[in-house]
Amino acid sequence: MAIVFAFTFLLPCLGTGALYWFGHVSSLLLRDRAQRPIPLLLAAFSFGTAALVLYQPQLFDVLLSQIMIGMTLAVFLTFLISLSWKISAHGVGVGGGLGLLGMLYLTSPASHTLWALLVMTLLAGCVLSSRLALNAHTPSQAWAGLGLGIGVVCGLSFGLWLGS
């Protein structure tokens, strides 16, 4: 848990804070699309490093590093898209969680998984609604983020299934 916390929260926050401190971004909210690429690239690098650290099958379940690889890919794609268009990174994150629970339910349908999927669907709706209410994104940016998150999880899951 400490590794995941350090590489997915602490380091990206410190990196973005340093960019703010040195004047490379004008706000920690990163509302301006032009200020998002460097923090997103830092986050993708940090997430990728976490995936490498966690890929130790003798210590950690391989699924943990696979999830981190998916997160790295999602953040890197968000970075690439943000070079020309402002996609909702919050939508990408909640879409990844929704996609993961959806894939878990499809592979092992159980009532507790269904309830988790339903709660996550409500949470996704709340996140997208809040991004719209805050005027942080347009509906297309919010939905595209959600779709990207779900798509990355489903694509990687399908790829892992083909490889097994």
N, C-alpha and C. Protein backbone atom coordinates (compact mmCIF):
# COMPACT_ATOMS: atom_id res chain seq x y z
N MET A 1 0.83 -1.19 0.00
CA MET A 1 0.00 0.00 0.00
C MET A 1 0.87 1.25 0.00
N ALA A 2 1.97 1.21 0.73
CA ALA A 2 2.86 2.36 0.78
C ALA A 2 3.47 2.67 -0.58
N ILE A 3 3.81 1.62 -1.33
CA ILE A 3 4.37 1.82 -2.67
C ILE A 3 3.34 2.48 -3.58
N VAL A 4 2.12 1.97 -3.56
CA VAL A 4 1.07 2.53 -4.40
C VAL A 4 0.78 3.98 -3.99
N PHE A 5 0.68 4.25 -2.69
CA PHE A 5 0.45 5.61 -2.21
C PHE A 5 1.57 6.56 -2.65
N ALA A 6 2.79 6.13 -2.47
CA ALA A 6 3.93 7.00 -2.80
C ALA A 6 3.99 7.33 -4.29
N PHE A 7 3.79 6.31 -5.13
CA PHE A 7 3.96 6.51 -6.57
C PHE A 7 2.73 7.04 -7.28
N THR A 8 1.54 6.86 -6.72
CA THR A 8 0.32 7.33 -7.40
C THR A 8 -0.27 8.58 -6.79
N PHE A 9 0.16 8.93 -5.57
CA PHE A 9 -0.37 10.13 -4.94
C PHE A 9 0.74 11.09 -4.54
N LEU A 10 1.63 10.64 -3.72
CA LEU A 10 2.64 11.52 -3.13
C LEU A 10 3.55 12.14 -4.19
N LEU A 11 4.20 11.32 -5.01
CA LEU A 11 5.12 11.86 -6.02
C LEU A 11 4.43 12.76 -7.05
N PRO A 12 3.27 12.36 -7.62
CA PRO A 12 2.60 13.28 -8.54
C PRO A 12 2.19 14.61 -7.87
N CYS A 13 1.75 14.55 -6.61
CA CYS A 13 1.39 15.79 -5.91
C CYS A 13 2.62 16.67 -5.67
N LEU A 14 3.71 16.06 -5.24
CA LEU A 14 4.94 16.83 -5.02
C LEU A 14 5.46 17.41 -6.34
N GLY A 15 5.39 16.63 -7.41
CA GLY A 15 5.84 17.13 -8.71
C GLY A 15 5.01 18.30 -9.20
N THR A 16 3.69 18.19 -9.08
CA THR A 16 2.82 19.29 -9.50
C THR A 16 3.01 20.50 -8.59
N GLY A 17 3.19 20.24 -7.29
CA GLY A 17 3.47 21.35 -6.36
C GLY A 17 4.76 22.06 -6.71
N ALA A 18 5.78 21.31 -7.09
CA ALA A 18 7.05 21.92 -7.49
C ALA A 18 6.87 22.74 -8.77
N LEU A 19 6.10 22.24 -9.72
CA LEU A 19 5.82 23.00 -10.94
C LEU A 19 5.11 24.31 -10.61
N TYR A 20 4.20 24.27 -9.68
CA TYR A 20 3.49 25.47 -9.24
C TYR A 20 4.46 26.43 -8.54
N TRP A 21 5.27 25.89 -7.63
CA TRP A 21 6.23 26.70 -6.86
C TRP A 21 7.19 27.45 -7.79
N PHE A 22 7.64 26.78 -8.86
CA PHE A 22 8.60 27.39 -9.78
C PHE A 22 7.93 28.13 -10.93
N GLY A 23 6.60 28.26 -10.89
CA GLY A 23 5.88 29.07 -11.86
C GLY A 23 5.61 28.43 -13.20
N HIS A 24 5.74 27.12 -13.30
CA HIS A 24 5.47 26.44 -14.56
C HIS A 24 3.98 26.17 -14.78
N VAL A 25 3.20 26.17 -13.70
CA VAL A 25 1.75 26.12 -13.79
C VAL A 25 1.20 27.23 -12.90
N SER A 26 0.11 27.85 -13.33
CA SER A 26 -0.42 28.99 -12.58
C SER A 26 -1.38 28.60 -11.47
N SER A 27 -1.87 27.37 -11.51
CA SER A 27 -2.83 26.91 -10.51
C SER A 27 -2.69 25.40 -10.33
N LEU A 28 -2.91 24.96 -9.12
CA LEU A 28 -2.88 23.51 -8.85
C LEU A 28 -4.11 22.81 -9.41
N LEU A 29 -5.13 23.57 -9.81
CA LEU A 29 -6.33 22.97 -10.39
C LEU A 29 -6.11 22.55 -11.84
N LEU A 30 -5.10 23.09 -12.49
CA LEU A 30 -4.75 22.74 -13.88
C LEU A 30 -5.95 22.85 -14.82
N ARG A 31 -6.70 23.93 -14.67
CA ARG A 31 -7.88 24.13 -15.54
C ARG A 31 -7.49 24.41 -16.99
N ASP A 32 -6.35 25.04 -17.20
CA ASP A 32 -5.90 25.37 -18.54
C ASP A 32 -5.26 24.13 -19.19
N ARG A 33 -5.79 23.73 -20.34
CA ARG A 33 -5.31 22.54 -21.02
C ARG A 33 -3.81 22.61 -21.28
N ALA A 34 -3.30 23.77 -21.58
CA ALA A 34 -1.88 23.91 -21.90
C ALA A 34 -0.97 23.62 -20.71
N GLN A 35 -1.50 23.68 -19.49
CA GLN A 35 -0.69 23.43 -18.30
C GLN A 35 -0.80 21.99 -17.80
N ARG A 36 -1.58 21.17 -18.45
CA ARG A 36 -1.80 19.80 -17.99
C ARG A 36 -0.74 18.78 -18.45
N PRO A 37 -0.11 18.95 -19.62
CA PRO A 37 0.78 17.89 -20.10
C PRO A 37 1.94 17.52 -19.17
N ILE A 38 2.66 18.48 -18.64
CA ILE A 38 3.82 18.13 -17.81
C ILE A 38 3.39 17.39 -16.54
N PRO A 39 2.38 17.86 -15.79
CA PRO A 39 1.95 17.07 -14.63
C PRO A 39 1.44 15.68 -15.00
N LEU A 40 0.75 15.55 -16.13
CA LEU A 40 0.28 14.23 -16.56
C LEU A 40 1.44 13.33 -16.95
N LEU A 41 2.44 13.88 -17.60
CA LEU A 41 3.61 13.08 -17.97
C LEU A 41 4.37 12.64 -16.72
N LEU A 42 4.50 13.53 -15.74
CA LEU A 42 5.13 13.17 -14.47
C LEU A 42 4.35 12.04 -13.79
N ALA A 43 3.02 12.15 -13.80
CA ALA A 43 2.19 11.11 -13.18
C ALA A 43 2.34 9.79 -13.92
N ALA A 44 2.35 9.83 -15.25
CA ALA A 44 2.51 8.59 -16.03
C ALA A 44 3.86 7.94 -15.72
N PHE A 45 4.91 8.74 -15.64
CA PHE A 45 6.24 8.20 -15.30
C PHE A 45 6.23 7.58 -13.91
N SER A 46 5.60 8.26 -12.96
CA SER A 46 5.53 7.76 -11.58
C SER A 46 4.73 6.46 -11.51
N PHE A 47 3.59 6.41 -12.20
CA PHE A 47 2.77 5.21 -12.22
C PHE A 47 3.54 4.05 -12.86
N GLY A 48 4.26 4.34 -13.96
CA GLY A 48 5.04 3.30 -14.63
C GLY A 48 6.14 2.76 -13.73
N THR A 49 6.75 3.66 -12.97
CA THR A 49 7.78 3.23 -12.02
C THR A 49 7.17 2.31 -10.96
N ALA A 50 5.97 2.66 -10.51
CA ALA A 50 5.28 1.80 -9.53
C ALA A 50 5.01 0.42 -10.12
N ALA A 51 4.61 0.37 -11.39
CA ALA A 51 4.36 -0.92 -12.04
C ALA A 51 5.63 -1.76 -12.06
N LEU A 52 6.76 -1.13 -12.35
CA LEU A 52 8.04 -1.86 -12.36
C LEU A 52 8.41 -2.35 -10.97
N VAL A 53 8.24 -1.49 -9.97
CA VAL A 53 8.57 -1.87 -8.59
C VAL A 53 7.68 -3.03 -8.13
N LEU A 54 6.42 -2.98 -8.52
CA LEU A 54 5.46 -3.99 -8.06
C LEU A 54 5.54 -5.29 -8.86
N TYR A 55 6.26 -5.27 -9.97
CA TYR A 55 6.37 -6.51 -10.74
C TYR A 55 7.46 -7.39 -10.12
N GLN A 56 7.11 -7.99 -9.02
CA GLN A 56 7.96 -8.94 -8.31
C GLN A 56 7.06 -10.10 -7.89
N PRO A 57 6.83 -11.06 -8.81
CA PRO A 57 5.88 -12.14 -8.54
C PRO A 57 6.12 -12.89 -7.24
N GLN A 58 7.35 -12.92 -6.75
CA GLN A 58 7.62 -13.61 -5.49
C GLN A 58 7.10 -12.82 -4.28
N LEU A 59 6.86 -11.51 -4.46
CA LEU A 59 6.38 -10.67 -3.35
C LEU A 59 4.94 -10.21 -3.52
N PHE A 60 4.57 -9.87 -4.75
CA PHE A 60 3.25 -9.27 -5.00
C PHE A 60 2.49 -10.08 -6.05
N ASP A 61 1.18 -10.04 -5.96
CA ASP A 61 0.34 -10.66 -6.99
C ASP A 61 0.58 -9.91 -8.30
N VAL A 62 0.71 -10.64 -9.40
CA VAL A 62 0.98 -10.05 -10.71
C VAL A 62 -0.15 -9.09 -11.11
N LEU A 63 -1.36 -9.36 -10.65
CA LEU A 63 -2.49 -8.50 -10.97
C LEU A 63 -2.24 -7.06 -10.54
N LEU A 64 -1.54 -6.86 -9.43
CA LEU A 64 -1.26 -5.50 -8.95
C LEU A 64 -0.41 -4.74 -9.96
N SER A 65 0.63 -5.35 -10.49
CA SER A 65 1.45 -4.65 -11.49
C SER A 65 0.67 -4.47 -12.79
N GLN A 66 -0.22 -5.41 -13.12
CA GLN A 66 -1.04 -5.26 -14.32
C GLN A 66 -2.01 -4.09 -14.18
N ILE A 67 -2.58 -3.91 -13.01
CA ILE A 67 -3.45 -2.76 -12.77
C ILE A 67 -2.65 -1.47 -12.89
N MET A 68 -1.44 -1.46 -12.36
CA MET A 68 -0.60 -0.27 -12.45
C MET A 68 -0.21 0.02 -13.90
N ILE A 69 0.01 -1.02 -14.69
CA ILE A 69 0.31 -0.82 -16.11
C ILE A 69 -0.90 -0.18 -16.80
N GLY A 70 -2.10 -0.65 -16.47
CA GLY A 70 -3.31 -0.06 -17.02
C GLY A 70 -3.46 1.40 -16.63
N MET A 71 -3.17 1.70 -15.37
CA MET A 71 -3.25 3.09 -14.91
C MET A 71 -2.22 3.96 -15.63
N THR A 72 -1.03 3.41 -15.83
CA THR A 72 0.01 4.14 -16.54
C THR A 72 -0.43 4.44 -17.96
N LEU A 73 -0.97 3.44 -18.63
CA LEU A 73 -1.44 3.62 -20.00
C LEU A 73 -2.55 4.67 -20.06
N ALA A 74 -3.49 4.59 -19.12
CA ALA A 74 -4.60 5.55 -19.12
C ALA A 74 -4.09 6.98 -18.91
N VAL A 75 -3.16 7.17 -17.99
CA VAL A 75 -2.63 8.51 -17.74
C VAL A 75 -1.80 8.98 -18.93
N PHE A 76 -1.03 8.07 -19.54
CA PHE A 76 -0.23 8.46 -20.70
C PHE A 76 -1.13 8.85 -21.88
N LEU A 77 -2.20 8.10 -22.10
CA LEU A 77 -3.15 8.47 -23.16
C LEU A 77 -3.84 9.80 -22.85
N THR A 78 -4.14 10.03 -21.58
CA THR A 78 -4.71 11.32 -21.18
C THR A 78 -3.73 12.45 -21.49
N PHE A 79 -2.44 12.21 -21.21
CA PHE A 79 -1.39 13.17 -21.55
C PHE A 79 -1.40 13.46 -23.05
N LEU A 80 -1.39 12.41 -23.88
CA LEU A 80 -1.36 12.60 -25.32
C LEU A 80 -2.57 13.37 -25.82
N ILE A 81 -3.74 13.00 -25.33
CA ILE A 81 -4.96 13.68 -25.76
C ILE A 81 -4.94 15.13 -25.30
N SER A 82 -4.41 15.37 -24.10
CA SER A 82 -4.38 16.73 -23.54
C SER A 82 -3.46 17.67 -24.31
N LEU A 83 -2.62 17.14 -25.17
CA LEU A 83 -1.78 18.00 -25.99
C LEU A 83 -2.62 18.82 -26.96
N SER A 84 -3.80 18.30 -27.31
CA SER A 84 -4.64 19.02 -28.27
C SER A 84 -6.09 19.21 -27.82
N TRP A 85 -6.50 18.52 -26.75
CA TRP A 85 -7.90 18.61 -26.32
C TRP A 85 -7.97 18.31 -24.83
N LYS A 86 -8.89 18.94 -24.14
CA LYS A 86 -8.99 18.78 -22.69
C LYS A 86 -9.98 17.66 -22.34
N ILE A 87 -9.46 16.47 -22.14
CA ILE A 87 -10.27 15.33 -21.72
C ILE A 87 -10.32 15.31 -20.19
N SER A 88 -11.38 14.77 -19.63
CA SER A 88 -11.52 14.72 -18.17
C SER A 88 -10.67 13.60 -17.58
N ALA A 89 -9.61 13.99 -16.87
CA ALA A 89 -8.78 12.99 -16.18
C ALA A 89 -9.57 12.33 -15.05
N HIS A 90 -10.47 13.08 -14.41
CA HIS A 90 -11.33 12.48 -13.39
C HIS A 90 -12.22 11.41 -14.02
N GLY A 91 -12.74 11.71 -15.22
CA GLY A 91 -13.55 10.73 -15.94
C GLY A 91 -12.75 9.48 -16.29
N VAL A 92 -11.49 9.67 -16.68
CA VAL A 92 -10.63 8.52 -17.00
C VAL A 92 -10.46 7.65 -15.76
N GLY A 93 -10.18 8.27 -14.63
CA GLY A 93 -9.96 7.51 -13.39
C GLY A 93 -11.20 6.74 -12.95
N VAL A 94 -12.33 7.41 -12.94
CA VAL A 94 -13.56 6.73 -12.50
C VAL A 94 -14.00 5.70 -13.54
N GLY A 95 -13.69 5.96 -14.81
CA GLY A 95 -13.98 4.97 -15.85
C GLY A 95 -13.14 3.72 -15.69
N GLY A 96 -11.89 3.89 -15.28
CA GLY A 96 -11.04 2.74 -15.02
C GLY A 96 -11.57 1.88 -13.89
N GLY A 97 -12.01 2.53 -12.82
CA GLY A 97 -12.59 1.79 -11.69
C GLY A 97 -13.88 1.07 -12.10
N LEU A 98 -14.71 1.77 -12.85
CA LEU A 98 -15.96 1.17 -13.32
C LEU A 98 -15.68 0.00 -14.26
N GLY A 99 -14.74 0.18 -15.16
CA GLY A 99 -14.37 -0.90 -16.08
C GLY A 99 -13.82 -2.11 -15.35
N LEU A 100 -12.99 -1.87 -14.34
CA LEU A 100 -12.41 -2.99 -13.57
C LEU A 100 -13.50 -3.77 -12.85
N LEU A 101 -14.42 -3.07 -12.20
CA LEU A 101 -15.51 -3.78 -11.52
C LEU A 101 -16.43 -4.48 -12.52
N GLY A 102 -16.62 -3.86 -13.68
CA GLY A 102 -17.43 -4.51 -14.71
C GLY A 102 -16.79 -5.80 -15.21
N MET A 103 -15.47 -5.76 -15.42
CA MET A 103 -14.77 -6.97 -15.86
C MET A 103 -14.77 -8.04 -14.77
N LEU A 104 -14.63 -7.63 -13.52
CA LEU A 104 -14.69 -8.60 -12.42
C LEU A 104 -16.07 -9.26 -12.37
N TYR A 105 -17.12 -8.46 -12.58
CA TYR A 105 -18.46 -9.03 -12.55
C TYR A 105 -18.68 -9.99 -13.72
N LEU A 106 -18.18 -9.62 -14.90
CA LEU A 106 -18.36 -10.49 -16.07
C LEU A 106 -17.62 -11.82 -15.92
N THR A 107 -16.46 -11.79 -15.25
CA THR A 107 -15.68 -13.02 -15.11
C THR A 107 -16.09 -13.86 -13.91
N SER A 108 -16.72 -13.22 -12.92
CA SER A 108 -17.12 -13.94 -11.72
C SER A 108 -18.36 -13.28 -11.12
N PRO A 109 -19.52 -13.51 -11.76
CA PRO A 109 -20.73 -12.83 -11.27
C PRO A 109 -21.09 -13.27 -9.86
N ALA A 110 -21.13 -12.31 -8.98
CA ALA A 110 -21.52 -12.55 -7.59
C ALA A 110 -22.30 -11.33 -7.12
N SER A 111 -23.16 -11.54 -6.15
CA SER A 111 -24.02 -10.43 -5.70
C SER A 111 -23.20 -9.28 -5.13
N HIS A 112 -22.11 -9.58 -4.39
CA HIS A 112 -21.32 -8.49 -3.83
C HIS A 112 -20.59 -7.71 -4.93
N THR A 113 -20.20 -8.38 -6.02
CA THR A 113 -19.57 -7.69 -7.14
C THR A 113 -20.58 -6.82 -7.85
N LEU A 114 -21.81 -7.32 -7.99
CA LEU A 114 -22.86 -6.53 -8.63
C LEU A 114 -23.14 -5.26 -7.82
N TRP A 115 -23.20 -5.39 -6.49
CA TRP A 115 -23.45 -4.22 -5.65
C TRP A 115 -22.30 -3.21 -5.78
N ALA A 116 -21.08 -3.71 -5.81
CA ALA A 116 -19.93 -2.82 -5.98
C ALA A 116 -19.99 -2.11 -7.33
N LEU A 117 -20.40 -2.84 -8.36
CA LEU A 117 -20.53 -2.26 -9.69
C LEU A 117 -21.61 -1.18 -9.72
N LEU A 118 -22.73 -1.44 -9.06
CA LEU A 118 -23.80 -0.45 -9.00
C LEU A 118 -23.38 0.80 -8.24
N VAL A 119 -22.68 0.63 -7.13
CA VAL A 119 -22.18 1.78 -6.36
C VAL A 119 -21.17 2.56 -7.20
N MET A 120 -20.31 1.86 -7.90
CA MET A 120 -19.31 2.53 -8.74
C MET A 120 -19.97 3.29 -9.88
N THR A 121 -21.05 2.74 -10.41
CA THR A 121 -21.79 3.44 -11.47
C THR A 121 -22.37 4.74 -10.93
N LEU A 122 -22.93 4.70 -9.72
CA LEU A 122 -23.43 5.93 -9.09
C LEU A 122 -22.31 6.92 -8.83
N LEU A 123 -21.18 6.43 -8.36
CA LEU A 123 -20.03 7.28 -8.11
C LEU A 123 -19.54 7.93 -9.41
N ALA A 124 -19.49 7.15 -10.48
CA ALA A 124 -19.08 7.70 -11.77
C ALA A 124 -20.03 8.82 -12.21
N GLY A 125 -21.32 8.59 -12.02
CA GLY A 125 -22.30 9.64 -12.35
C GLY A 125 -22.09 10.89 -11.53
N CYS A 126 -21.78 10.72 -10.25
CA CYS A 126 -21.52 11.87 -9.38
C CYS A 126 -20.27 12.63 -9.81
N VAL A 127 -19.21 11.89 -10.16
CA VAL A 127 -17.96 12.54 -10.57
C VAL A 127 -18.18 13.32 -11.86
N LEU A 128 -18.81 12.70 -12.85
CA LEU A 128 -19.04 13.40 -14.11
C LEU A 128 -19.96 14.60 -13.92
N SER A 129 -20.99 14.43 -13.10
CA SER A 129 -21.90 15.55 -12.83
C SER A 129 -21.17 16.70 -12.15
N SER A 130 -20.29 16.38 -11.22
CA SER A 130 -19.56 17.44 -10.52
C SER A 130 -18.61 18.16 -11.46
N ARG A 131 -17.97 17.46 -12.38
CA ARG A 131 -17.08 18.11 -13.34
C ARG A 131 -17.85 19.07 -14.23
N LEU A 132 -19.08 18.68 -14.57
CA LEU A 132 -19.93 19.55 -15.38
C LEU A 132 -20.44 20.74 -14.56
N ALA A 133 -20.87 20.48 -13.32
CA ALA A 133 -21.39 21.54 -12.46
C ALA A 133 -20.32 22.58 -12.15
N LEU A 134 -19.07 22.16 -12.06
CA LEU A 134 -17.96 23.08 -11.79
C LEU A 134 -17.47 23.78 -13.05
N ASN A 135 -18.11 23.48 -14.18
CA ASN A 135 -17.69 24.02 -15.48
C ASN A 135 -16.22 23.71 -15.77
N ALA A 136 -15.76 22.57 -15.28
CA ALA A 136 -14.39 22.15 -15.53
C ALA A 136 -14.27 21.46 -16.89
N HIS A 137 -15.39 20.92 -17.38
CA HIS A 137 -15.39 20.19 -18.65
C HIS A 137 -16.72 20.36 -19.35
N THR A 138 -16.69 20.08 -20.64
CA THR A 138 -17.92 19.98 -21.41
C THR A 138 -18.42 18.54 -21.28
N PRO A 139 -19.67 18.28 -21.63
CA PRO A 139 -20.16 16.89 -21.58
C PRO A 139 -19.31 15.94 -22.42
N SER A 140 -18.86 16.37 -23.60
CA SER A 140 -18.06 15.47 -24.44
C SER A 140 -16.71 15.16 -23.79
N GLN A 141 -16.11 16.11 -23.10
CA GLN A 141 -14.84 15.87 -22.41
C GLN A 141 -15.03 14.89 -21.25
N ALA A 142 -16.12 15.04 -20.52
CA ALA A 142 -16.40 14.15 -19.39
C ALA A 142 -16.69 12.73 -19.87
N TRP A 143 -17.55 12.60 -20.88
CA TRP A 143 -17.89 11.27 -21.41
C TRP A 143 -16.69 10.61 -22.07
N ALA A 144 -15.88 11.40 -22.77
CA ALA A 144 -14.68 10.84 -23.41
C ALA A 144 -13.72 10.30 -22.35
N GLY A 145 -13.58 11.01 -21.24
CA GLY A 145 -12.73 10.52 -20.15
C GLY A 145 -13.24 9.20 -19.60
N LEU A 146 -14.55 9.14 -19.35
CA LEU A 146 -15.15 7.90 -18.85
C LEU A 146 -14.92 6.76 -19.84
N GLY A 147 -15.15 7.04 -21.12
CA GLY A 147 -14.97 6.03 -22.15
C GLY A 147 -13.53 5.56 -22.27
N LEU A 148 -12.58 6.49 -22.13
CA LEU A 148 -11.18 6.10 -22.20
C LEU A 148 -10.81 5.19 -21.04
N GLY A 149 -11.25 5.52 -19.84
CA GLY A 149 -10.96 4.67 -18.68
C GLY A 149 -11.53 3.28 -18.82
N ILE A 150 -12.79 3.19 -19.23
CA ILE A 150 -13.42 1.89 -19.43
C ILE A 150 -12.72 1.13 -20.57
N GLY A 151 -12.41 1.85 -21.65
CA GLY A 151 -11.78 1.22 -22.81
C GLY A 151 -10.41 0.64 -22.52
N VAL A 152 -9.61 1.37 -21.73
CA VAL A 152 -8.27 0.86 -21.39
C VAL A 152 -8.39 -0.44 -20.58
N VAL A 153 -9.29 -0.45 -19.59
CA VAL A 153 -9.45 -1.65 -18.77
C VAL A 153 -9.96 -2.81 -19.61
N CYS A 154 -10.97 -2.58 -20.42
CA CYS A 154 -11.52 -3.67 -21.23
C CYS A 154 -10.50 -4.15 -22.25
N GLY A 155 -9.76 -3.24 -22.87
CA GLY A 155 -8.75 -3.62 -23.85
C GLY A 155 -7.64 -4.44 -23.23
N LEU A 156 -7.13 -4.00 -22.08
CA LEU A 156 -6.08 -4.76 -21.41
C LEU A 156 -6.59 -6.10 -20.90
N SER A 157 -7.81 -6.12 -20.40
CA SER A 157 -8.39 -7.39 -19.92
C SER A 157 -8.52 -8.38 -21.08
N PHE A 158 -8.98 -7.89 -22.21
CA PHE A 158 -9.13 -8.76 -23.37
C PHE A 158 -7.75 -9.24 -23.82
N GLY A 159 -6.76 -8.35 -23.82
CA GLY A 159 -5.41 -8.74 -24.21
C GLY A 159 -4.82 -9.78 -23.28
N LEU A 160 -5.04 -9.62 -21.98
CA LEU A 160 -4.55 -10.61 -21.01
C LEU A 160 -5.27 -11.94 -21.18
N TRP A 161 -6.57 -11.88 -21.50
CA TRP A 161 -7.34 -13.10 -21.71
C TRP A 161 -6.82 -13.84 -22.95
N LEU A 162 -6.50 -13.09 -24.02
CA LEU A 162 -5.97 -13.72 -25.23
C LEU A 162 -4.60 -14.35 -24.97
N GLY A 163 -3.81 -13.69 -24.10
CA GLY A 163 -2.47 -14.17 -23.82
C GLY A 163 -2.42 -15.36 -22.90
N SER A 164 -3.53 -15.67 -22.24
CA SER A 164 -3.51 -16.80 -21.28
C SER A 164 -3.95 -18.10 -21.89
